[in-house]
Amino acid sequence: QVQLVESGGGDVQPGGSLRLSCAASGSIFKYYAMGWFRQAPGKQRELVAYISTGGSSFYADSAKGRFTISRDNAENTVYLQMDSLKPEDTAVYYCNKYPPITPYWGQGTQVTVSS
């Protein structure tokens, strides 16, 4: 059983930065592609970015050029560096394996971008 705990969210002004972390329990983390997802109020959860076991990454159009996903297999942690944040980035951010599976959804971390 893998548990994922997201952290690093907060309130930030437009143009600011945040770094999200997702700590995974269990030794099988390194065998999974991992993704960051987000859900804004009234909207469906969407993929933001994912990273393969080998470090290759994919970004949604909304994240390209502003967000960077990375992973540290030794620490069982995946990160999402978010720069140039916009109000439309406001959402609860979740991590999960990619493709995601229901049992791994955690509580998420709230990101609010507002002036």
Protein backbone atom coordinates (compact mmCIF):
# COMPACT_ATOMS: atom_id res chain seq x y z
CA GLN A 1 0.00 0.00 0.00
CA VAL A 2 1.40 3.37 -1.04
CA GLN A 3 0.39 6.58 0.69
CA LEU A 4 1.01 9.97 -0.88
CA VAL A 5 1.18 13.19 1.13
CA GLU A 6 1.21 16.53 -0.66
CA SER A 7 2.59 19.71 0.86
CA GLY A 8 3.91 23.13 -0.06
CA GLY A 9 0.73 24.90 -1.10
CA GLY A 10 -0.27 28.32 0.09
CA ASP A 11 -1.37 31.80 -0.87
CA VAL A 12 0.75 33.64 -3.40
CA GLN A 13 0.42 36.74 -5.53
CA PRO A 14 0.28 36.56 -9.33
CA GLY A 15 3.78 36.12 -10.70
CA GLY A 16 4.95 34.34 -7.58
CA SER A 17 6.34 30.85 -7.10
CA LEU A 18 5.64 27.77 -5.03
CA ARG A 19 7.27 24.39 -4.77
CA LEU A 20 4.99 21.47 -4.07
CA SER A 21 6.23 18.19 -2.63
CA CYS A 22 4.68 14.74 -2.65
CA ALA A 23 6.14 12.23 -0.25
CA ALA A 24 5.40 8.59 -0.93
CA SER A 25 5.54 5.76 1.53
CA GLY A 26 6.57 2.36 0.28
CA SER A 27 9.57 1.17 -1.64
CA ILE A 28 7.82 0.74 -4.99
CA PHE A 29 7.70 4.50 -5.69
CA LYS A 30 10.68 4.30 -8.03
CA TYR A 31 8.81 1.91 -10.30
CA TYR A 32 5.94 4.34 -11.01
CA ALA A 33 5.56 7.25 -13.34
CA MET A 34 4.23 10.03 -11.12
CA GLY A 35 1.92 12.89 -11.89
CA TRP A 36 0.64 16.14 -10.48
CA PHE A 37 -3.02 16.91 -10.92
CA ARG A 38 -5.25 19.78 -9.88
CA GLN A 39 -8.90 20.49 -9.30
CA ALA A 40 -10.28 24.00 -9.34
CA PRO A 41 -13.65 24.82 -7.79
CA GLY A 42 -16.47 23.60 -10.00
CA LYS A 43 -14.12 21.88 -12.42
CA GLN A 44 -12.93 18.36 -13.03
CA ARG A 45 -9.54 17.18 -11.87
CA GLU A 46 -6.95 17.60 -14.59
CA LEU A 47 -3.41 16.50 -15.28
CA VAL A 48 -0.76 19.17 -14.79
CA ALA A 49 2.41 17.18 -15.47
CA TYR A 50 3.88 13.73 -15.13
CA ILE A 51 7.36 12.29 -14.97
CA SER A 52 8.48 8.83 -16.01
CA THR A 53 10.63 6.52 -13.95
CA GLY A 54 13.57 7.60 -16.11
CA GLY A 55 12.91 11.31 -15.66
CA SER A 56 11.15 12.18 -18.91
CA SER A 57 8.38 14.70 -18.35
CA PHE A 58 5.15 15.84 -19.95
CA TYR A 59 3.27 19.05 -19.27
CA ALA A 60 -0.23 20.21 -19.91
CA ASP A 61 -0.35 23.27 -22.14
CA SER A 62 -1.32 25.40 -19.15
CA ALA A 63 1.88 24.40 -17.33
CA LYS A 64 4.42 24.50 -20.14
CA GLY A 65 7.22 26.96 -19.58
CA ARG A 66 6.12 27.78 -16.04
CA PHE A 67 6.07 24.52 -14.08
CA THR A 68 8.80 21.93 -13.63
CA ILE A 69 8.23 18.41 -12.35
CA SER A 70 11.07 16.43 -10.82
CA ARG A 71 11.58 13.37 -8.66
CA ASP A 72 14.03 12.07 -6.10
CA ASN A 73 13.75 8.30 -6.01
CA ALA A 74 16.10 8.05 -3.04
CA GLU A 75 13.73 10.25 -1.04
CA ASN A 76 10.53 8.79 -2.54
CA THR A 77 9.45 12.33 -3.39
CA VAL A 78 8.13 14.10 -6.44
CA TYR A 79 8.18 17.88 -6.75
CA LEU A 80 6.36 20.52 -8.75
CA GLN A 81 8.12 23.86 -9.07
CA MET A 82 5.56 26.46 -10.10
CA ASP A 83 6.72 29.84 -11.33
CA SER A 84 4.90 32.81 -12.86
CA LEU A 85 1.72 31.74 -11.13
CA LYS A 86 -1.60 33.03 -12.40
CA PRO A 87 -4.99 33.32 -10.70
CA GLU A 88 -6.23 30.49 -12.93
CA ASP A 89 -3.69 28.19 -11.26
CA THR A 90 -5.78 28.36 -8.09
CA ALA A 91 -6.78 24.79 -7.24
CA VAL A 92 -6.16 21.88 -4.95
CA TYR A 93 -3.09 20.05 -6.21
CA TYR A 94 -2.73 16.30 -5.91
CA CYS A 95 -0.08 13.78 -6.78
CA ASN A 96 -0.70 10.22 -7.89
CA LYS A 97 0.95 7.63 -10.00
CA TYR A 98 0.47 8.11 -13.72
CA PRO A 99 -1.98 7.01 -14.90
CA PRO A 100 -3.70 7.69 -11.58
CA ILE A 101 -5.53 5.11 -9.53
CA THR A 102 -8.26 5.85 -7.04
CA PRO A 103 -6.70 4.41 -3.88
CA TYR A 104 -3.71 6.73 -4.12
CA TRP A 105 -5.55 10.06 -4.07
CA GLY A 106 -4.54 12.00 -0.98
CA GLN A 107 -5.85 15.18 0.60
CA GLY A 108 -4.03 17.47 -1.77
CA THR A 109 -2.56 20.87 -1.06
CA GLN A 110 -4.36 24.14 -1.72
CA VAL A 111 -2.77 26.73 -3.98
CA THR A 112 -4.40 30.14 -4.12
CA VAL A 113 -3.10 32.81 -6.47
CA SER A 114 -4.59 36.17 -5.75
CA SER A 115 -3.62 39.79 -5.39
